N, C-alpha and C. Protein backbone atom coordinates (compact mmCIF):
# COMPACT_ATOMS: atom_id res chain seq x y z
N MET A 1 91.90 87.33 102.10
CA MET A 1 93.17 88.68 102.80
C MET A 1 93.55 87.03 104.41
N SER A 2 93.40 86.18 103.73
CA SER A 2 93.13 85.12 104.93
C SER A 2 94.92 84.62 105.49
N VAL A 3 94.82 84.88 106.46
CA VAL A 3 96.43 84.21 106.47
C VAL A 3 96.37 83.04 107.60
N ALA A 4 97.09 81.69 107.32
CA ALA A 4 97.48 80.51 108.31
C ALA A 4 97.08 81.11 109.59
N PRO A 5 96.01 80.05 110.13
CA PRO A 5 96.94 80.66 111.42
C PRO A 5 97.98 79.93 112.14
N GLY A 6 98.52 80.07 113.45
CA GLY A 6 99.88 79.96 113.62
C GLY A 6 101.51 80.57 113.12
N LYS A 7 100.68 81.19 111.71
CA LYS A 7 101.77 82.72 111.71
C LYS A 7 101.79 83.97 112.46
N LEU A 8 101.70 83.69 113.61
CA LEU A 8 100.65 85.35 114.22
C LEU A 8 102.17 86.35 113.83
N GLU A 9 102.99 85.91 113.97
CA GLU A 9 104.22 86.89 113.79
C GLU A 9 104.84 87.15 112.53
N THR A 10 104.14 86.76 111.67
CA THR A 10 104.46 86.50 110.06
C THR A 10 103.43 87.23 109.49
N VAL A 11 102.41 87.99 110.07
CA VAL A 11 101.58 88.58 109.38
C VAL A 11 102.13 89.99 109.18
N ARG A 12 102.21 90.49 107.83
CA ARG A 12 102.73 91.68 107.58
C ARG A 12 101.82 93.38 108.10
N PRO A 13 102.74 94.27 108.07
CA PRO A 13 102.35 95.37 108.07
C PRO A 13 101.20 96.17 107.20
N GLU A 14 101.00 95.50 106.26
CA GLU A 14 100.32 95.96 105.15
C GLU A 14 99.21 95.16 105.54
N ILE A 15 99.18 93.82 105.21
CA ILE A 15 97.70 93.46 105.47
C ILE A 15 97.18 93.85 106.65
N LEU A 16 97.62 94.36 107.69
CA LEU A 16 97.52 94.54 109.30
C LEU A 16 96.74 95.70 109.11
N LEU A 17 96.98 96.80 107.93
CA LEU A 17 96.23 97.96 107.88
C LEU A 17 95.54 97.74 107.17
N ALA A 18 95.46 97.38 105.70
CA ALA A 18 94.47 97.18 104.85
C ALA A 18 92.96 96.22 105.41
N PHE A 19 93.64 95.26 106.66
CA PHE A 19 92.14 95.20 107.14
C PHE A 19 91.75 95.52 108.00
N GLU A 20 92.52 97.01 108.57
CA GLU A 20 91.67 97.65 109.22
C GLU A 20 90.91 98.74 108.44
N GLN A 21 91.26 99.34 107.41
CA GLN A 21 91.29 99.81 106.33
C GLN A 21 89.77 99.71 106.12
N ALA A 22 89.91 97.86 106.22
CA ALA A 22 88.08 97.73 105.39
C ALA A 22 87.48 97.81 106.82
N TRP A 23 87.73 97.44 107.76
CA TRP A 23 86.80 97.07 108.64
C TRP A 23 87.07 98.38 110.21
N PRO A 24 87.00 99.84 109.90
CA PRO A 24 87.47 100.78 110.54
C PRO A 24 86.46 101.22 112.01
N ARG A 25 85.42 100.58 111.97
CA ARG A 25 84.85 100.30 113.54
C ARG A 25 85.28 98.96 114.35
N HIS A 26 85.43 99.32 115.32
CA HIS A 26 85.10 98.18 116.48
C HIS A 26 83.84 97.55 117.15
N ASP A 27 83.62 96.34 116.61
CA ASP A 27 81.90 95.87 116.70
C ASP A 27 82.60 94.53 116.58
N GLY A 28 81.30 93.58 117.16
CA GLY A 28 81.31 91.83 117.36
C GLY A 28 81.46 91.56 115.67
N THR A 29 81.21 91.99 114.53
CA THR A 29 81.20 91.61 113.42
C THR A 29 83.25 91.65 113.20
N LYS A 30 83.80 92.64 113.33
CA LYS A 30 84.73 92.66 113.16
C LYS A 30 85.47 92.03 113.91
N GLU A 31 85.43 91.89 114.87
CA GLU A 31 85.90 90.53 116.15
C GLU A 31 85.86 89.29 115.27
N MET A 32 84.66 88.86 114.80
CA MET A 32 84.60 87.36 114.29
C MET A 32 85.49 87.51 112.56
N ALA A 33 85.49 88.74 112.06
CA ALA A 33 86.28 88.99 110.75
C ALA A 33 87.80 88.73 111.12
N ILE A 34 88.17 89.56 112.48
CA ILE A 34 89.82 89.05 112.90
C ILE A 34 90.25 87.50 113.32
N ARG A 35 89.64 87.20 113.66
CA ARG A 35 89.25 85.40 114.14
C ARG A 35 89.47 84.88 112.27
N ASP A 36 88.77 84.84 111.72
CA ASP A 36 88.31 84.15 110.76
C ASP A 36 89.33 84.31 109.70
N GLU A 37 89.26 85.59 109.02
CA GLU A 37 90.39 85.95 108.28
C GLU A 37 92.18 86.24 108.46
N LEU A 38 91.94 86.47 109.72
CA LEU A 38 93.57 86.64 109.97
C LEU A 38 93.96 85.33 110.73
N GLY A 39 93.03 85.00 111.50
CA GLY A 39 93.66 83.69 112.34
C GLY A 39 93.82 84.36 113.71
N LEU A 40 93.77 85.16 114.03
CA LEU A 40 94.52 86.01 115.15
C LEU A 40 93.21 86.04 116.06
N THR A 41 93.18 86.17 117.66
CA THR A 41 92.24 86.88 118.73
C THR A 41 92.17 88.08 118.14
N PRO A 42 91.40 89.25 119.21
CA PRO A 42 91.48 90.11 118.55
C PRO A 42 92.30 91.05 119.28
N ALA A 43 92.73 90.91 120.67
CA ALA A 43 93.49 91.53 121.44
C ALA A 43 94.92 91.46 120.41
N ARG A 44 95.27 90.63 119.83
CA ARG A 44 96.55 90.31 119.16
C ARG A 44 96.81 90.59 117.94
N PHE A 45 95.16 90.72 117.40
CA PHE A 45 95.11 91.69 116.28
C PHE A 45 95.13 92.82 116.55
N TYR A 46 95.39 93.78 117.61
CA TYR A 46 95.45 95.17 117.87
C TYR A 46 97.03 95.35 118.58
N GLN A 47 97.56 94.44 119.38
CA GLN A 47 99.12 94.73 119.60
C GLN A 47 99.62 94.67 117.97
N LEU A 48 99.43 94.13 117.19
CA LEU A 48 100.21 94.02 116.19
C LEU A 48 99.91 95.05 115.37
N LEU A 49 98.72 95.58 114.86
CA LEU A 49 98.25 96.78 114.29
C LEU A 49 98.81 97.91 114.98
N GLY A 50 98.70 98.41 116.21
CA GLY A 50 99.67 99.41 116.76
C GLY A 50 101.42 98.90 116.20
N ARG A 51 101.96 97.82 116.00
CA ARG A 51 103.40 98.06 116.01
C ARG A 51 103.38 97.97 114.62
N ALA A 52 102.78 97.80 113.67
CA ALA A 52 102.69 97.91 112.03
C ALA A 52 102.39 99.44 111.64
N ALA A 53 101.48 100.05 112.43
CA ALA A 53 101.57 101.52 112.32
C ALA A 53 102.88 102.06 112.36
N ARG A 54 103.26 101.26 113.56
CA ARG A 54 104.55 102.52 113.71
C ARG A 54 105.92 101.98 113.16
N THR A 55 105.76 101.15 112.18
CA THR A 55 106.90 100.62 111.38
C THR A 55 106.84 101.78 109.66
N HIS A 56 108.31 101.54 109.37
CA HIS A 56 108.36 101.95 108.40
C HIS A 56 107.33 101.67 107.04
N ASP A 57 107.26 100.47 106.77
CA ASP A 57 106.97 99.60 105.60
C ASP A 57 105.22 99.69 106.12
N GLY A 58 104.62 99.20 107.40
CA GLY A 58 103.86 100.20 107.61
C GLY A 58 102.92 101.10 107.03
N ILE A 59 103.71 102.03 107.35
CA ILE A 59 103.29 103.92 106.93
C ILE A 59 103.56 103.78 105.29
N ALA A 60 104.22 103.19 104.75
CA ALA A 60 104.61 103.12 103.31
C ALA A 60 103.29 102.61 102.47
N ALA A 61 102.95 101.71 103.07
CA ALA A 61 101.70 100.99 102.38
C ALA A 61 100.54 101.39 102.75
N ASN A 62 100.53 102.28 103.99
CA ASN A 62 98.69 102.74 104.51
C ASN A 62 99.26 104.19 104.97
N PRO A 63 99.82 104.90 104.61
CA PRO A 63 100.04 106.29 105.61
C PRO A 63 98.75 106.66 106.15
N ILE A 64 97.61 106.80 105.81
CA ILE A 64 96.65 107.05 106.62
C ILE A 64 95.98 106.17 107.67
N THR A 65 95.73 105.26 107.02
CA THR A 65 95.82 103.69 108.18
C THR A 65 96.16 104.01 109.38
N ALA A 66 97.49 104.41 109.28
CA ALA A 66 98.33 104.59 109.87
C ALA A 66 98.91 105.59 111.07
N ARG A 67 98.39 106.70 110.47
CA ARG A 67 98.50 107.79 111.29
C ARG A 67 96.92 107.58 111.81
N ARG A 68 95.62 106.99 111.51
CA ARG A 68 94.27 106.84 112.81
C ARG A 68 95.09 106.22 113.72
N VAL A 69 94.88 104.63 113.35
CA VAL A 69 95.81 104.04 114.50
C VAL A 69 97.19 104.45 115.43
N ARG A 70 97.74 105.77 114.70
CA ARG A 70 98.41 106.09 115.56
C ARG A 70 97.94 106.95 116.61
N GLU A 71 97.51 107.78 116.06
CA GLU A 71 96.18 109.02 116.91
C GLU A 71 95.89 108.16 117.39
N ARG A 72 94.88 107.07 117.46
CA ARG A 72 94.25 106.61 118.60
C ARG A 72 94.65 105.74 120.01
N MET A 73 95.69 105.20 119.52
CA MET A 73 96.51 105.10 120.82
C MET A 73 97.02 106.05 121.19
N VAL A 74 97.42 107.55 120.78
CA VAL A 74 97.90 108.30 121.90
C VAL A 74 96.75 108.60 122.22
N SER A 75 95.80 109.19 121.58
CA SER A 75 94.08 109.59 123.01
C SER A 75 93.75 108.57 123.79
N SER A 76 93.83 107.41 123.39
CA SER A 76 92.96 106.47 124.12
C SER A 76 94.19 106.22 125.05
N SER A 77 95.37 106.45 125.24
CA SER A 77 96.56 106.35 126.44
C SER A 77 96.45 107.86 127.65
N ARG A 78 95.30 108.75 126.93
CA ARG A 78 95.32 109.81 127.73
C ARG A 78 94.61 109.74 128.67
């Protein structure tokens, strides 16, 4: 599931959501995997993940994870 560094904007929603499904808990190990496997900073990953969870492509690719991400974003903004 590795993505070439420097291709930050081209990471497809299904890749981000599949990664989040495989790594549901936020911890140091996940942060290392984000950097190593996706070539992203954790902050950028979560920005792109939130965007992916709201797109039609993301919802179609992984509806359960997309919904969980959207719900987590709403609950954290309260």
